[in-house]
């Protein structure tokens, strides 16, 4: 009897071990179940929030969103702890964003602007230019900081540039308050910088570029910016630093796999003049980052600068560097 009991226990143990081993082998050979990304894999624009954390945006397109997976378009970085988390966005009836390339806060309102890069034609989906939207968002806060954004209004970029081409490739924005006016400064990757007055009371507005629609500076043609000749993106983002200087990043990419390189430089300074908000006084490269394509910048507390990269197929990363002087 005792021998039979021992043999039975051995049989049970053996079968349990065999089943466990089989399950382990299956788990190793089977592909993991699809799960949503924890955060965007790259950074295409950034802005500092009131609590010192950094809001960043991701340039994803709707045709690349995965079915059944909530689209990831924005997140928050805590520069002190290094923690990164997603930010939920309540989108309007016009749908989720396409190619968010820039973000800024709207002074005096507490609101945030998420900006698409411009208008595009996708012949597979539509024949007319689409997108070109600026999402005015109302933030919702929790004990952790920014928890979600709700789109409360949708504005549109001017449809055409002065040369008659569609407005596109807007890489950086900054919003300033000049007296009673709000101005949205926008830069395209070739280096043309525009400004557009904003009406906070006009819903669904179609912006118009000031200065007769002409750029207030054209970096590609301005000899003062000759130090940027090596970069094929004269502007990849804009930010206002702690000294009231308007700074830009420039970037070079040879392919989606690199090589990459970037530079951070000063465009000019804010003034109190109602008709000339920026005094352009370019300063040569203030910082370089070889091996990375910087597309997101935000001035942080303690005279530091958040930089995020979009290194295409290689992925992206972020870091905080001393604010260049």
Protein backbone atom coordinates (compact mmCIF):
# COMPACT_ATOMS: atom_id res chain seq x y z
CA UNK A 1 0.00 0.00 0.00
CA UNK A 2 2.75 2.39 0.96
CA UNK A 3 4.69 1.56 -2.20
CA UNK A 4 1.60 2.17 -4.36
CA UNK A 5 1.05 5.57 -2.72
CA UNK A 6 4.65 6.61 -3.36
CA UNK A 7 4.40 5.52 -7.01
CA UNK A 8 1.19 7.55 -7.40
CA UNK A 9 2.81 10.68 -6.01
CA UNK A 10 5.77 10.23 -8.34
CA UNK A 11 3.42 9.90 -11.32
CA UNK A 12 1.59 13.12 -10.40
CA UNK A 13 4.84 15.05 -9.92
CA UNK A 14 6.24 13.76 -13.21
CA UNK A 15 3.12 14.73 -15.17
CA UNK A 16 3.09 18.18 -13.53
CA UNK A 17 6.72 18.79 -14.48
CA UNK A 18 6.10 17.64 -18.06
CA UNK A 19 3.07 19.92 -18.43
CA UNK A 20 5.02 22.88 -16.98
CA UNK A 21 7.89 22.26 -19.36
CA UNK A 22 5.53 22.05 -22.34
CA UNK A 23 3.81 25.27 -21.37
CA UNK A 24 7.20 26.98 -21.02
CA UNK A 25 8.28 25.84 -24.49
CA UNK A 26 5.01 27.02 -26.04
CA UNK A 27 5.34 30.41 -24.35
CA UNK A 28 8.87 30.78 -25.70
CA UNK A 29 7.90 29.85 -29.25
CA UNK A 30 4.59 31.72 -29.53
CA UNK A 31 4.66 35.45 -30.39
CA UNK A 32 3.49 37.72 -27.58
CA UNK A 33 -0.03 39.11 -27.73
CA UNK A 34 -0.29 42.55 -29.30
CA UNK A 35 -0.31 45.29 -26.68
CA UNK A 36 -0.52 49.06 -27.07
CA UNK A 37 2.69 51.04 -27.08
CA UNK A 38 3.53 52.41 -23.67
CA UNK A 39 4.55 55.73 -25.18
CA UNK A 40 5.42 57.28 -28.53
CA UNK A 41 8.73 56.09 -29.92
CA UNK A 42 9.81 59.58 -30.89
CA UNK A 43 9.31 63.26 -30.09
CA UNK A 44 8.18 65.84 -32.65
CA UNK A 45 7.42 68.86 -30.44
CA UNK A 46 7.49 69.89 -26.78
CA UNK A 47 6.31 72.57 -24.34
CA UNK A 48 6.81 73.18 -20.63
CA UNK A 49 3.73 72.93 -18.46
CA UNK A 50 2.92 75.03 -15.39
CA UNK A 51 4.13 72.25 -13.04
CA UNK A 52 7.53 72.04 -14.71
CA UNK A 53 6.80 68.80 -16.57
CA UNK A 54 7.17 68.55 -20.35
CA UNK A 55 4.30 67.87 -22.72
CA UNK A 56 5.43 66.30 -25.99
CA UNK A 57 3.63 65.32 -29.19
CA UNK A 58 4.05 62.48 -31.66
CA UNK A 59 3.77 62.84 -35.44
CA UNK A 60 1.74 59.67 -36.11
CA UNK A 61 -0.71 59.47 -39.02
CA UNK A 62 -4.19 57.89 -38.91
CA UNK A 63 -3.37 55.40 -41.67
CA UNK A 64 -0.65 53.93 -39.45
CA UNK A 65 -2.77 53.56 -36.31
CA UNK A 66 -3.37 49.95 -35.30
CA UNK A 67 -6.94 48.71 -35.27
CA UNK A 68 -8.37 48.45 -31.78
CA UNK A 69 -5.46 50.31 -30.20
CA UNK A 70 -6.06 53.86 -28.92
CA UNK A 71 -3.94 56.28 -30.97
CA UNK A 72 -0.97 57.71 -29.10
CA UNK A 73 -0.36 61.36 -29.89
CA UNK A 74 0.98 62.98 -26.70
CA UNK A 75 2.74 62.26 -23.46
CA UNK A 76 4.35 63.87 -20.44
CA UNK A 77 7.94 63.64 -19.23
CA UNK A 78 8.95 64.42 -15.66
CA UNK A 79 12.54 65.65 -16.09
CA UNK A 80 13.28 65.11 -12.39
CA UNK A 81 12.23 61.45 -12.17
CA UNK A 82 12.54 60.43 -15.80
CA UNK A 83 9.02 58.99 -15.80
CA UNK A 84 7.13 59.10 -19.11
CA UNK A 85 3.39 58.53 -19.45
CA UNK A 86 0.72 58.92 -22.10
CA UNK A 87 -1.82 61.73 -22.12
CA UNK A 88 -5.34 60.93 -23.29
CA UNK A 89 -6.85 63.35 -25.81
CA UNK A 90 -10.57 63.80 -26.44
CA UNK A 91 -10.65 64.46 -30.19
CA UNK A 92 -13.29 66.52 -32.05
CA UNK A 93 -15.71 65.27 -34.70
CA UNK A 94 -13.12 66.00 -37.42
CA UNK A 95 -11.08 63.11 -36.08
CA UNK A 96 -7.71 62.26 -34.61
CA UNK A 97 -4.67 64.33 -35.56
CA UNK A 98 -2.33 63.65 -38.46
CA UNK A 99 1.34 64.60 -38.16
CA UNK A 100 1.48 66.71 -35.02
CA UNK A 101 4.81 68.54 -35.25
CA UNK A 102 4.53 71.32 -32.69
CA UNK A 103 2.94 72.29 -29.39
CA UNK A 104 2.85 75.42 -27.24
CA UNK A 105 0.93 76.93 -24.36
CA UNK A 106 -1.49 79.81 -24.95
CA UNK A 107 -0.41 82.63 -22.60
CA UNK A 108 -2.97 83.89 -20.13
CA UNK A 109 -5.49 81.12 -20.83
CA UNK A 110 -4.11 77.87 -19.41
CA UNK A 111 -4.90 76.24 -22.77
CA UNK A 112 -2.55 74.31 -25.05
CA UNK A 113 -2.20 74.33 -28.84
CA UNK A 114 -1.40 71.10 -30.68
CA UNK A 115 -0.39 71.87 -34.26
CA UNK A 116 -0.42 69.71 -37.35
CA UNK A 117 2.34 70.35 -39.85
CA UNK A 118 0.02 71.56 -42.60
CA UNK A 119 -2.13 70.40 -45.52
CA UNK A 120 -1.58 67.19 -47.46
CA UNK A 121 -3.24 65.24 -50.25
CA UNK A 122 -3.47 61.46 -49.84
CA UNK A 123 -4.67 60.19 -53.22
CA UNK A 124 -5.74 56.88 -51.68
CA UNK A 125 -8.15 58.60 -49.30
CA UNK A 126 -9.08 61.96 -50.82
CA UNK A 127 -8.24 64.34 -53.65
CA UNK A 128 -8.54 67.63 -51.77
CA UNK A 129 -5.95 68.92 -49.28
CA UNK A 130 -6.74 67.75 -45.78
CA UNK A 131 -5.69 68.48 -42.17
CA UNK A 132 -3.84 71.77 -41.52
CA UNK A 133 -5.46 71.92 -38.07
CA UNK A 134 -4.53 73.59 -34.80
CA UNK A 135 -6.24 71.98 -31.81
CA UNK A 136 -6.99 74.29 -28.90
CA UNK A 137 -7.04 72.01 -25.87
CA UNK A 138 -8.25 72.42 -22.32
CA UNK A 139 -6.04 70.49 -19.87
CA UNK A 140 -7.35 68.37 -17.02
CA UNK A 141 -5.11 68.05 -13.99
CA UNK A 142 -4.68 65.40 -11.32
CA UNK A 143 -2.29 64.85 -8.42
CA UNK A 144 0.20 63.39 -10.93
CA UNK A 145 -0.01 66.45 -13.16
CA UNK A 146 -1.60 66.65 -16.60
CA UNK A 147 -4.01 63.73 -16.99
CA UNK A 148 -5.86 64.51 -20.25
CA UNK A 149 -6.58 67.09 -22.93
CA UNK A 150 -9.96 67.97 -24.39
CA UNK A 151 -10.11 69.69 -27.77
CA UNK A 152 -12.42 72.69 -27.31
CA UNK A 153 -11.84 74.35 -30.67
CA UNK A 154 -10.19 73.63 -34.02
CA UNK A 155 -8.43 76.36 -35.97
CA UNK A 156 -6.78 76.07 -39.38
CA UNK A 157 -3.50 77.24 -40.83
CA UNK A 158 -3.66 79.53 -43.88
CA UNK A 159 -4.11 77.17 -46.81
CA UNK A 160 -1.50 78.69 -49.10
CA UNK A 161 1.96 80.18 -48.66
CA UNK A 162 2.93 83.37 -50.54
CA UNK A 163 4.50 81.26 -53.32
CA UNK A 164 1.13 79.60 -53.98
CA UNK A 165 2.12 76.25 -52.49
CA UNK A 166 0.15 74.49 -49.78
CA UNK A 167 1.10 75.38 -46.24
CA UNK A 168 3.05 72.37 -44.98
CA UNK A 169 6.20 71.28 -43.15
CA UNK A 170 5.54 73.53 -40.15
CA UNK A 171 8.03 72.21 -37.61
CA UNK A 172 7.95 74.65 -34.71
CA UNK A 173 5.62 77.14 -33.04
CA UNK A 174 5.72 79.61 -30.17
CA UNK A 175 2.88 81.72 -28.85
CA UNK A 176 3.51 85.19 -27.44
CA UNK A 177 1.31 87.90 -26.03
CA UNK A 178 2.03 91.35 -27.41
CA UNK A 179 -0.09 93.89 -25.58
CA UNK A 180 -3.65 92.73 -26.03
CA UNK A 181 -2.80 90.52 -28.98
CA UNK A 182 -1.80 86.89 -29.13
CA UNK A 183 0.56 85.96 -31.95
CA UNK A 184 1.40 82.46 -33.09
CA UNK A 185 4.91 82.24 -34.53
CA UNK A 186 5.39 79.37 -36.96
CA UNK A 187 8.49 78.11 -38.75
CA UNK A 188 8.68 75.70 -41.68
CA UNK A 189 11.61 73.36 -42.06
CA UNK A 190 13.22 75.41 -44.85
CA UNK A 191 13.56 78.29 -42.39
CA UNK A 192 10.73 80.65 -43.36
CA UNK A 193 9.25 82.12 -40.16
CA UNK A 194 5.72 83.56 -40.12
CA UNK A 195 3.39 84.99 -37.53
CA UNK A 196 -0.40 84.88 -37.33
CA UNK A 197 -2.65 86.95 -35.03
CA UNK A 198 -5.03 84.85 -32.92
CA UNK A 199 -8.55 85.76 -31.83
CA UNK A 200 -9.37 83.93 -28.61
CA UNK A 201 -13.11 84.59 -29.05
CA UNK A 202 -13.48 83.41 -32.65
CA UNK A 203 -14.32 79.71 -32.90
CA UNK A 204 -13.08 77.66 -35.83
CA UNK A 205 -10.95 80.50 -37.14
CA UNK A 206 -8.86 80.32 -40.29
CA UNK A 207 -5.58 82.01 -39.43
CA UNK A 208 -3.93 84.54 -41.69
CA UNK A 209 -0.23 85.22 -41.71
CA UNK A 210 0.70 88.81 -40.90
CA UNK A 211 3.25 90.90 -42.78
CA UNK A 212 1.17 90.57 -45.94
CA UNK A 213 1.59 86.81 -45.78
CA UNK A 214 5.35 87.08 -46.25
CA UNK A 215 7.83 85.51 -43.81
CA UNK A 216 9.30 87.83 -41.22
CA UNK A 217 12.62 86.10 -41.78
CA UNK A 218 13.75 83.50 -44.32
CA UNK A 219 16.71 81.64 -42.86
CA UNK A 220 17.58 79.79 -46.06
CA UNK A 221 18.15 83.07 -47.91
CA UNK A 222 19.44 85.23 -45.08
CA UNK A 223 23.27 85.45 -44.98
CA UNK A 224 23.17 85.96 -41.21
CA UNK A 225 22.27 82.25 -40.94
CA UNK A 226 25.06 80.92 -43.15
CA UNK A 227 26.29 78.82 -40.22
CA UNK A 228 23.33 76.48 -40.89
CA UNK A 229 24.41 75.43 -44.38
CA UNK A 230 25.17 71.86 -43.31
CA UNK A 231 21.59 71.25 -42.11
CA UNK A 232 18.77 70.33 -44.51
CA UNK A 233 16.15 71.32 -41.92
CA UNK A 234 16.89 74.90 -40.95
CA UNK A 235 14.19 74.69 -38.26
CA UNK A 236 12.98 71.52 -36.56
CA UNK A 237 11.44 73.20 -33.50
CA UNK A 238 11.12 76.53 -31.68
CA UNK A 239 11.14 77.43 -28.00
CA UNK A 240 11.27 80.53 -25.83
CA UNK A 241 13.99 80.19 -23.21
CA UNK A 242 14.18 81.66 -19.72
CA UNK A 243 15.86 84.83 -21.04
CA UNK A 244 13.04 85.61 -23.48
CA UNK A 245 15.11 84.45 -26.42
CA UNK A 246 13.52 82.62 -29.32
CA UNK A 247 15.67 79.58 -29.96
CA UNK A 248 15.47 77.04 -32.77
CA UNK A 249 16.87 73.64 -33.53
CA UNK A 250 18.22 72.65 -36.94
CA UNK A 251 18.69 69.09 -38.12
CA UNK A 252 20.26 66.97 -40.82
CA UNK A 253 19.17 63.50 -41.91
CA UNK A 254 20.65 61.52 -44.75
CA UNK A 255 18.06 58.71 -44.57
CA UNK A 256 15.57 57.18 -42.13
CA UNK A 257 18.52 55.33 -40.62
CA UNK A 258 20.83 58.31 -40.38
CA UNK A 259 23.34 59.66 -40.08
CA UNK A 260 21.76 62.49 -38.10
CA UNK A 261 23.03 65.68 -36.52
CA UNK A 262 21.43 68.69 -34.88
CA UNK A 263 22.22 72.16 -33.63
CA UNK A 264 20.50 74.61 -31.31
CA UNK A 265 20.83 78.31 -32.07
CA UNK A 266 19.34 81.68 -31.20
CA UNK A 267 16.92 83.29 -33.65
CA UNK A 268 16.28 86.52 -31.77
CA UNK A 269 14.69 88.12 -28.74
CA UNK A 270 11.21 89.28 -27.82
CA UNK A 271 10.59 93.03 -27.84
CA UNK A 272 7.85 95.28 -26.51
CA UNK A 273 7.23 96.81 -29.91
CA UNK A 274 3.65 95.98 -31.01
CA UNK A 275 4.59 95.67 -34.70
CA UNK A 276 7.96 93.97 -34.33
CA UNK A 277 7.54 91.35 -31.62
CA UNK A 278 10.83 89.64 -32.45
CA UNK A 279 14.16 91.35 -32.97
CA UNK A 280 16.11 88.93 -35.10
CA UNK A 281 19.71 88.72 -33.98
CA UNK A 282 20.96 85.25 -34.88
CA UNK A 283 23.79 83.77 -32.87
CA UNK A 284 25.96 80.92 -34.17
CA UNK A 285 25.37 77.38 -33.04
CA UNK A 286 24.91 77.27 -29.26
CA UNK A 287 24.91 73.48 -28.91
CA UNK A 288 25.44 70.46 -31.16
CA UNK A 289 24.11 66.92 -30.94
CA UNK A 290 25.76 64.65 -33.49
CA UNK A 291 24.00 61.34 -34.09
CA UNK A 292 20.54 62.69 -33.21
CA UNK A 293 17.74 64.53 -35.02
CA UNK A 294 16.28 66.99 -32.52
CA UNK A 295 12.62 67.80 -33.23
CA UNK A 296 11.41 68.82 -29.77
CA UNK A 297 12.68 71.50 -27.38
CA UNK A 298 11.35 73.15 -24.25
CA UNK A 299 13.00 75.43 -21.73
CA UNK A 300 12.78 73.93 -18.24
CA UNK A 301 13.36 75.33 -14.80
CA UNK A 302 16.90 75.91 -13.49
CA UNK A 303 18.16 77.18 -16.86
CA UNK A 304 17.99 73.80 -18.55
CA UNK A 305 16.67 72.70 -21.93
CA UNK A 306 14.64 69.58 -22.67
CA UNK A 307 15.45 68.08 -26.07
CA UNK A 308 13.66 65.16 -27.71
CA UNK A 309 14.64 63.38 -30.90
CA UNK A 310 12.89 61.68 -33.80
CA UNK A 311 15.54 59.43 -35.25
CA UNK A 312 13.05 57.82 -37.65
CA UNK A 313 13.60 54.03 -37.92
CA UNK A 314 16.18 54.13 -35.15
CA UNK A 315 13.65 55.42 -32.61
CA UNK A 316 13.85 58.45 -30.36
CA UNK A 317 15.21 59.60 -27.05
CA UNK A 318 15.19 62.62 -24.75
CA UNK A 319 17.52 64.34 -22.34
CA UNK A 320 17.95 67.55 -20.40
CA UNK A 321 21.02 69.66 -21.17
CA UNK A 322 22.27 72.93 -19.69
CA UNK A 323 20.58 75.82 -21.46
CA UNK A 324 23.08 77.02 -24.09
CA UNK A 325 24.42 80.54 -23.51
